[in-house]
Amino acid sequence: MHKRVNVTLPEETIRLIDRSASHGNRSRFIDEAVKYFVREHGRSQLRRLLEEGAERRGARDLAIAEEWFPVDRDAWRKRRR
């Protein structure tokens, strides 16, 4: 089973992915890269890195969420009709 997610990556990261992945296979490349990273670094280190990143970017992410909230709310209201 696959699930669609939306992520934001730096442009340089996208360029690296596009240079390394065959055309149209970004998702597969990212899937394999994440699995490799988790195997190599272990869950505890990954958890620590994710927590550190969340702390560093928490204020930015909250500001983005607050900025886009009215757009999301309007979209949900239109969808309910």
PDB file of N, CA and C in Angstrom:
ATOM      1  N   MET A   1       0.847  -1.176   0.000  1.00  0.00           N
ATOM      2  CA  MET A   1       0.000   0.000   0.000  1.00  0.00           C
ATOM      3  C   MET A   1       0.894   1.243   0.000  1.00  0.00           C
ATOM      4  N   HIS A   2       0.548   2.192  -0.793  1.00  0.00           N
ATOM      5  CA  HIS A   2       1.279   3.447  -0.860  1.00  0.00           C
ATOM      6  C   HIS A   2       0.396   4.567  -0.338  1.00  0.00           C
ATOM      7  N   LYS A   3       1.028   5.579   0.210  1.00  0.00           N
ATOM      8  CA  LYS A   3       0.299   6.748   0.706  1.00  0.00           C
ATOM      9  C   LYS A   3       1.012   7.988   0.204  1.00  0.00           C
ATOM     10  N   ARG A   4       0.248   8.917  -0.330  1.00  0.00           N
ATOM     11  CA  ARG A   4       0.812  10.164  -0.838  1.00  0.00           C
ATOM     12  C   ARG A   4       1.073  11.107   0.329  1.00  0.00           C
ATOM     13  N   VAL A   5       2.270  11.708   0.331  1.00  0.00           N
ATOM     14  CA  VAL A   5       2.624  12.709   1.335  1.00  0.00           C
ATOM     15  C   VAL A   5       3.183  13.931   0.616  1.00  0.00           C
ATOM     16  N   ASN A   6       3.121  15.032   1.280  1.00  0.00           N
ATOM     17  CA  ASN A   6       3.645  16.273   0.720  1.00  0.00           C
ATOM     18  C   ASN A   6       4.806  16.721   1.600  1.00  0.00           C
ATOM     19  N   VAL A   7       5.995  16.832   1.004  1.00  0.00           N
ATOM     20  CA  VAL A   7       7.173  17.268   1.750  1.00  0.00           C
ATOM     21  C   VAL A   7       7.801  18.456   1.043  1.00  0.00           C
ATOM     22  N   THR A   8       8.515  19.246   1.797  1.00  0.00           N
ATOM     23  CA  THR A   8       9.236  20.383   1.243  1.00  0.00           C
ATOM     24  C   THR A   8      10.719  20.117   1.402  1.00  0.00           C
ATOM     25  N   LEU A   9      11.445  20.206   0.284  1.00  0.00           N
ATOM     26  CA  LEU A   9      12.880  19.957   0.297  1.00  0.00           C
ATOM     27  C   LEU A   9      13.604  21.138  -0.326  1.00  0.00           C
ATOM     28  N   PRO A  10      14.831  21.374   0.091  1.00  0.00           N
ATOM     29  CA  PRO A  10      15.615  22.439  -0.539  1.00  0.00           C
ATOM     30  C   PRO A  10      15.831  22.143  -2.029  1.00  0.00           C
ATOM     31  N   GLU A  11      15.955  23.186  -2.819  1.00  0.00           N
ATOM     32  CA  GLU A  11      16.148  23.011  -4.256  1.00  0.00           C
ATOM     33  C   GLU A  11      17.379  22.165  -4.556  1.00  0.00           C
ATOM     34  N   GLU A  12      18.447  22.340  -3.793  1.00  0.00           N
ATOM     35  CA  GLU A  12      19.658  21.555  -4.012  1.00  0.00           C
ATOM     36  C   GLU A  12      19.389  20.064  -3.817  1.00  0.00           C
ATOM     37  N   THR A  13      18.570  19.720  -2.835  1.00  0.00           N
ATOM     38  CA  THR A  13      18.216  18.325  -2.602  1.00  0.00           C
ATOM     39  C   THR A  13      17.432  17.769  -3.786  1.00  0.00           C
ATOM     40  N   ILE A  14      16.503  18.550  -4.315  1.00  0.00           N
ATOM     41  CA  ILE A  14      15.728  18.115  -5.484  1.00  0.00           C
ATOM     42  C   ILE A  14      16.657  17.878  -6.667  1.00  0.00           C
ATOM     43  N   ARG A  15      17.622  18.776  -6.867  1.00  0.00           N
ATOM     44  CA  ARG A  15      18.580  18.584  -7.969  1.00  0.00           C
ATOM     45  C   ARG A  15      19.372  17.285  -7.786  1.00  0.00           C
ATOM     46  N   LEU A  16      19.791  17.007  -6.545  1.00  0.00           N
ATOM     47  CA  LEU A  16      20.514  15.762  -6.280  1.00  0.00           C
ATOM     48  C   LEU A  16      19.650  14.543  -6.580  1.00  0.00           C
ATOM     49  N   ILE A  17      18.398  14.594  -6.157  1.00  0.00           N
ATOM     50  CA  ILE A  17      17.475  13.481  -6.414  1.00  0.00           C
ATOM     51  C   ILE A  17      17.302  13.294  -7.914  1.00  0.00           C
ATOM     52  N   ASP A  18      17.073  14.390  -8.613  1.00  0.00           N
ATOM     53  CA  ASP A  18      16.839  14.293 -10.053  1.00  0.00           C
ATOM     54  C   ASP A  18      18.069  13.778 -10.805  1.00  0.00           C
ATOM     55  N   ARG A  19      19.250  14.106 -10.311  1.00  0.00           N
ATOM     56  CA  ARG A  19      20.469  13.594 -10.953  1.00  0.00           C
ATOM     57  C   ARG A  19      20.661  12.111 -10.675  1.00  0.00           C
ATOM     58  N   SER A  20      20.178  11.640  -9.530  1.00  0.00           N
ATOM     59  CA  SER A  20      20.428  10.265  -9.112  1.00  0.00           C
ATOM     60  C   SER A  20      19.312   9.293  -9.479  1.00  0.00           C
ATOM     61  N   ALA A  21      18.091   9.768  -9.504  1.00  0.00           N
ATOM     62  CA  ALA A  21      16.944   8.892  -9.776  1.00  0.00           C
ATOM     63  C   ALA A  21      16.651   8.879 -11.265  1.00  0.00           C
ATOM     64  N   SER A  22      16.217   7.726 -11.749  1.00  0.00           N
ATOM     65  CA  SER A  22      15.801   7.689 -13.149  1.00  0.00           C
ATOM     66  C   SER A  22      14.511   8.483 -13.305  1.00  0.00           C
ATOM     67  N   HIS A  23      14.244   8.958 -14.512  1.00  0.00           N
ATOM     68  CA  HIS A  23      13.104   9.836 -14.773  1.00  0.00           C
ATOM     69  C   HIS A  23      11.801   9.215 -14.260  1.00  0.00           C
ATOM     70  N   GLY A  24      11.083   9.994 -13.465  1.00  0.00           N
ATOM     71  CA  GLY A  24       9.783   9.556 -12.961  1.00  0.00           C
ATOM     72  C   GLY A  24       9.845   8.652 -11.744  1.00  0.00           C
ATOM     73  N   ASN A  25      11.026   8.470 -11.173  1.00  0.00           N
ATOM     74  CA  ASN A  25      11.153   7.560 -10.031  1.00  0.00           C
ATOM     75  C   ASN A  25      11.626   8.248  -8.758  1.00  0.00           C
ATOM     76  N   ARG A  26      11.255   9.505  -8.580  1.00  0.00           N
ATOM     77  CA  ARG A  26      11.641  10.216  -7.355  1.00  0.00           C
ATOM     78  C   ARG A  26      11.146   9.490  -6.115  1.00  0.00           C
ATOM     79  N   SER A  27       9.904   9.071  -6.133  1.00  0.00           N
ATOM     80  CA  SER A  27       9.322   8.429  -4.947  1.00  0.00           C
ATOM     81  C   SER A  27      10.088   7.168  -4.575  1.00  0.00           C
ATOM     82  N   ARG A  28      10.395   6.350  -5.558  1.00  0.00           N
ATOM     83  CA  ARG A  28      11.138   5.114  -5.282  1.00  0.00           C
ATOM     84  C   ARG A  28      12.525   5.443  -4.738  1.00  0.00           C
ATOM     85  N   PHE A  29      13.183   6.427  -5.332  1.00  0.00           N
ATOM     86  CA  PHE A  29      14.509   6.820  -4.871  1.00  0.00           C
ATOM     87  C   PHE A  29      14.461   7.293  -3.418  1.00  0.00           C
ATOM     88  N   ILE A  30      13.502   8.164  -3.101  1.00  0.00           N
ATOM     89  CA  ILE A  30      13.375   8.678  -1.732  1.00  0.00           C
ATOM     90  C   ILE A  30      13.048   7.548  -0.772  1.00  0.00           C
ATOM     91  N   ASP A  31      12.173   6.637  -1.163  1.00  0.00           N
ATOM     92  CA  ASP A  31      11.827   5.484  -0.339  1.00  0.00           C
ATOM     93  C   ASP A  31      13.076   4.672  -0.002  1.00  0.00           C
ATOM     94  N   GLU A  32      13.885   4.362  -1.003  1.00  0.00           N
ATOM     95  CA  GLU A  32      15.093   3.576  -0.773  1.00  0.00           C
ATOM     96  C   GLU A  32      16.109   4.350   0.070  1.00  0.00           C
ATOM     97  N   ALA A  33      16.216   5.660  -0.155  1.00  0.00           N
ATOM     98  CA  ALA A  33      17.159   6.474   0.609  1.00  0.00           C
ATOM     99  C   ALA A  33      16.776   6.528   2.085  1.00  0.00           C
ATOM    100  N   VAL A  34      15.496   6.686   2.364  1.00  0.00           N
ATOM    101  CA  VAL A  34      15.037   6.746   3.761  1.00  0.00           C
ATOM    102  C   VAL A  34      15.287   5.403   4.447  1.00  0.00           C
ATOM    103  N   LYS A  35      14.965   4.308   3.773  1.00  0.00           N
ATOM    104  CA  LYS A  35      15.190   2.984   4.362  1.00  0.00           C
ATOM    105  C   LYS A  35      16.678   2.755   4.639  1.00  0.00           C
ATOM    106  N   TYR A  36      17.524   3.146   3.712  1.00  0.00           N
ATOM    107  CA  TYR A  36      18.962   3.015   3.910  1.00  0.00           C
ATOM    108  C   TYR A  36      19.413   3.850   5.106  1.00  0.00           C
ATOM    109  N   PHE A  37      18.953   5.095   5.180  1.00  0.00           N
ATOM    110  CA  PHE A  37      19.336   5.983   6.273  1.00  0.00           C
ATOM    111  C   PHE A  37      18.928   5.404   7.616  1.00  0.00           C
ATOM    112  N   VAL A  38      17.730   4.889   7.696  1.00  0.00           N
ATOM    113  CA  VAL A  38      17.232   4.337   8.960  1.00  0.00           C
ATOM    114  C   VAL A  38      18.052   3.113   9.350  1.00  0.00           C
ATOM    115  N   ARG A  39      18.352   2.258   8.394  1.00  0.00           N
ATOM    116  CA  ARG A  39      19.175   1.081   8.698  1.00  0.00           C
ATOM    117  C   ARG A  39      20.557   1.490   9.195  1.00  0.00           C
ATOM    118  N   GLU A  40      21.143   2.481   8.573  1.00  0.00           N
ATOM    119  CA  GLU A  40      22.502   2.898   8.909  1.00  0.00           C
ATOM    120  C   GLU A  40      22.586   3.684  10.214  1.00  0.00           C
ATOM    121  N   HIS A  41      21.619   4.464  10.503  1.00  0.00           N
ATOM    122  CA  HIS A  41      21.699   5.355  11.658  1.00  0.00           C
ATOM    123  C   HIS A  41      20.887   4.898  12.861  1.00  0.00           C
ATOM    124  N   GLY A  42      20.036   3.954  12.669  1.00  0.00           N
ATOM    125  CA  GLY A  42      19.251   3.433  13.775  1.00  0.00           C
ATOM    126  C   GLY A  42      18.137   4.377  14.186  1.00  0.00           C
ATOM    127  N   ARG A  43      17.176   3.819  14.831  1.00  0.00           N
ATOM    128  CA  ARG A  43      15.993   4.584  15.214  1.00  0.00           C
ATOM    129  C   ARG A  43      16.270   5.655  16.247  1.00  0.00           C
ATOM    130  N   SER A  44      17.118   5.375  17.205  1.00  0.00           N
ATOM    131  CA  SER A  44      17.337   6.364  18.270  1.00  0.00           C
ATOM    132  C   SER A  44      18.023   7.614  17.722  1.00  0.00           C
ATOM    133  N   GLN A  45      19.000   7.429  16.852  1.00  0.00           N
ATOM    134  CA  GLN A  45      19.676   8.595  16.283  1.00  0.00           C
ATOM    135  C   GLN A  45      18.722   9.349  15.357  1.00  0.00           C
ATOM    136  N   LEU A  46      17.923   8.619  14.587  1.00  0.00           N
ATOM    137  CA  LEU A  46      16.957   9.271  13.717  1.00  0.00           C
ATOM    138  C   LEU A  46      15.968  10.087  14.542  1.00  0.00           C
ATOM    139  N   ARG A  47      15.485   9.530  15.633  1.00  0.00           N
ATOM    140  CA  ARG A  47      14.552  10.257  16.502  1.00  0.00           C
ATOM    141  C   ARG A  47      15.199  11.536  17.026  1.00  0.00           C
ATOM    142  N   ARG A  48      16.460  11.439  17.452  1.00  0.00           N
ATOM    143  CA  ARG A  48      17.173  12.615  17.964  1.00  0.00           C
ATOM    144  C   ARG A  48      17.313  13.672  16.872  1.00  0.00           C
ATOM    145  N   LEU A  49      17.664  13.263  15.656  1.00  0.00           N
ATOM    146  CA  LEU A  49      17.810  14.214  14.556  1.00  0.00           C
ATOM    147  C   LEU A  49      16.472  14.880  14.201  1.00  0.00           C
ATOM    148  N   LEU A  50      15.405  14.089  14.194  1.00  0.00           N
ATOM    149  CA  LEU A  50      14.086  14.651  13.902  1.00  0.00           C
ATOM    150  C   LEU A  50      13.654  15.642  14.980  1.00  0.00           C
ATOM    151  N   GLU A  51      13.900  15.306  16.237  1.00  0.00           N
ATOM    152  CA  GLU A  51      13.544  16.209  17.335  1.00  0.00           C
ATOM    153  C   GLU A  51      14.342  17.506  17.249  1.00  0.00           C
ATOM    154  N   GLU A  52      15.640  17.396  16.970  1.00  0.00           N
ATOM    155  CA  GLU A  52      16.465  18.600  16.852  1.00  0.00           C
ATOM    156  C   GLU A  52      15.973  19.481  15.699  1.00  0.00           C
ATOM    157  N   GLY A  53      15.645  18.852  14.571  1.00  0.00           N
ATOM    158  CA  GLY A  53      15.147  19.611  13.430  1.00  0.00           C
ATOM    159  C   GLY A  53      13.818  20.280  13.731  1.00  0.00           C
ATOM    160  N   ALA A  54      12.943  19.560  14.430  1.00  0.00           N
ATOM    161  CA  ALA A  54      11.644  20.127  14.784  1.00  0.00           C
ATOM    162  C   ALA A  54      11.810  21.327  15.711  1.00  0.00           C
ATOM    163  N   GLU A  55      12.746  21.227  16.639  1.00  0.00           N
ATOM    164  CA  GLU A  55      12.992  22.350  17.547  1.00  0.00           C
ATOM    165  C   GLU A  55      13.562  23.553  16.791  1.00  0.00           C
ATOM    166  N   ARG A  56      14.493  23.302  15.882  1.00  0.00           N
ATOM    167  CA  ARG A  56      15.108  24.400  15.123  1.00  0.00           C
ATOM    168  C   ARG A  56      14.113  25.074  14.186  1.00  0.00           C
ATOM    169  N   ARG A  57      13.212  24.284  13.603  1.00  0.00           N
ATOM    170  CA  ARG A  57      12.311  24.841  12.597  1.00  0.00           C
ATOM    171  C   ARG A  57      10.872  24.986  13.074  1.00  0.00           C
ATOM    172  N   GLY A  58      10.637  24.752  14.365  1.00  0.00           N
ATOM    173  CA  GLY A  58       9.283  24.791  14.902  1.00  0.00           C
ATOM    174  C   GLY A  58       8.586  26.123  14.686  1.00  0.00           C
ATOM    175  N   ALA A  59       9.262  27.219  14.978  1.00  0.00           N
ATOM    176  CA  ALA A  59       8.645  28.544  14.831  1.00  0.00           C
ATOM    177  C   ALA A  59       8.318  28.822  13.358  1.00  0.00           C
ATOM    178  N   ARG A  60       9.236  28.460  12.466  1.00  0.00           N
ATOM    179  CA  ARG A  60       8.997  28.660  11.037  1.00  0.00           C
ATOM    180  C   ARG A  60       7.791  27.842  10.571  1.00  0.00           C
ATOM    181  N   ASP A  61       7.742  26.565  10.977  1.00  0.00           N
ATOM    182  CA  ASP A  61       6.648  25.697  10.563  1.00  0.00           C
ATOM    183  C   ASP A  61       5.304  26.185  11.094  1.00  0.00           C
ATOM    184  N   LEU A  62       5.287  26.672  12.328  1.00  0.00           N
ATOM    185  CA  LEU A  62       4.057  27.212  12.903  1.00  0.00           C
ATOM    186  C   LEU A  62       3.610  28.447  12.127  1.00  0.00           C
ATOM    187  N   ALA A  63       4.540  29.321  11.766  1.00  0.00           N
ATOM    188  CA  ALA A  63       4.198  30.525  10.999  1.00  0.00           C
ATOM    189  C   ALA A  63       3.616  30.151   9.641  1.00  0.00           C
ATOM    190  N   ILE A  64       4.184  29.154   8.992  1.00  0.00           N
ATOM    191  CA  ILE A  64       3.664  28.701   7.691  1.00  0.00           C
ATOM    192  C   ILE A  64       2.261  28.144   7.855  1.00  0.00           C
ATOM    193  N   ALA A  65       2.062  27.323   8.879  1.00  0.00           N
ATOM    194  CA  ALA A  65       0.740  26.736   9.119  1.00  0.00           C
ATOM    195  C   ALA A  65      -0.299  27.821   9.385  1.00  0.00           C
ATOM    196  N   GLU A  66       0.070  28.815  10.178  1.00  0.00           N
ATOM    197  CA  GLU A  66      -0.870  29.901  10.471  1.00  0.00           C
ATOM    198  C   GLU A  66      -1.158  30.724   9.219  1.00  0.00           C
ATOM    199  N   GLU A  67      -0.152  30.924   8.389  1.00  0.00           N
ATOM    200  CA  GLU A  67      -0.336  31.697   7.160  1.00  0.00           C
ATOM    201  C   GLU A  67      -1.291  30.988   6.198  1.00  0.00           C
ATOM    202  N   TRP A  68      -1.190  29.662   6.124  1.00  0.00           N
ATOM    203  CA  TRP A  68      -2.006  28.902   5.171  1.00  0.00           C
ATOM    204  C   TRP A  68      -3.330  28.433   5.750  1.00  0.00           C
ATOM    205  N   PHE A  69      -3.555  28.604   7.047  1.00  0.00           N
ATOM    206  CA  PHE A  69      -4.797  28.135   7.661  1.00  0.00           C
ATOM    207  C   PHE A  69      -6.052  28.665   6.956  1.00  0.00           C
ATOM    208  N   PRO A  70      -6.139  29.976   6.648  1.00  0.00           N
ATOM    209  CA  PRO A  70      -7.350  30.462   5.976  1.00  0.00           C
ATOM    210  C   PRO A  70      -7.586  29.782   4.626  1.00  0.00           C
ATOM    211  N   VAL A  71      -6.534  29.485   3.896  1.00  0.00           N
ATOM    212  CA  VAL A  71      -6.672  28.821   2.595  1.00  0.00           C
ATOM    213  C   VAL A  71      -7.210  27.409   2.799  1.00  0.00           C
ATOM    214  N   ASP A  72      -6.636  26.678   3.756  1.00  0.00           N
ATOM    215  CA  ASP A  72      -7.115  25.325   4.048  1.00  0.00           C
ATOM    216  C   ASP A  72      -8.565  25.337   4.515  1.00  0.00           C
ATOM    217  N   ARG A  73      -8.899  26.280   5.406  1.00  0.00           N
ATOM    218  CA  ARG A  73     -10.260  26.370   5.932  1.00  0.00           C
ATOM    219  C   ARG A  73     -11.243  26.614   4.802  1.00  0.00           C
ATOM    220  N   ASP A  74     -10.918  27.534   3.893  1.00  0.00           N
ATOM    221  CA  ASP A  74     -11.805  27.836   2.772  1.00  0.00           C
ATOM    222  C   ASP A  74     -11.969  26.627   1.853  1.00  0.00           C
ATOM    223  N   ALA A  75     -10.890  25.911   1.632  1.00  0.00           N
ATOM    224  CA  ALA A  75     -10.954  24.724   0.777  1.00  0.00           C
ATOM    225  C   ALA A  75     -11.862  23.665   1.398  1.00  0.00           C
ATOM    226  N   TRP A  76     -11.759  23.456   2.712  1.00  0.00           N
ATOM    227  CA  TRP A  76     -12.608  22.483   3.381  1.00  0.00           C
ATOM    228  C   TRP A  76     -14.074  22.918   3.348  1.00  0.00           C
ATOM    229  N   ARG A  77     -14.311  24.207   3.499  1.00  0.00           N
ATOM    230  CA  ARG A  77     -15.698  24.694   3.453  1.00  0.00           C
ATOM    231  C   ARG A  77     -16.295  24.461   2.072  1.00  0.00           C
ATOM    232  N   LYS A  78     -15.542  24.722   1.035  1.00  0.00           N
ATOM    233  CA  LYS A  78     -16.025  24.518  -0.333  1.00  0.00           C
ATOM    234  C   LYS A  78     -16.266  23.045  -0.599  1.00  0.00           C
ATOM    235  N   ARG A  79     -15.434  22.193  -0.032  1.00  0.00           N
ATOM    236  CA  ARG A  79     -15.550  20.748  -0.250  1.00  0.00           C
ATOM    237  C   ARG A  79     -16.809  20.186   0.399  1.00  0.00           C
ATOM    238  N   ARG A  80     -17.220  20.774   1.517  1.00  0.00           N
ATOM    239  CA  ARG A  80     -18.410  20.280   2.241  1.00  0.00           C
ATOM    240  C   ARG A  80     -19.697  20.558   1.480  1.00  0.00           C
ATOM    241  N   ARG A  81     -19.679  21.552   0.619  1.00  0.00           N
ATOM    242  CA  ARG A  81     -20.917  21.931  -0.098  1.00  0.00           C
ATOM    243  C   ARG A  81     -21.377  20.893  -1.055  1.00  0.00           C
TER     244      ARG A  81
END
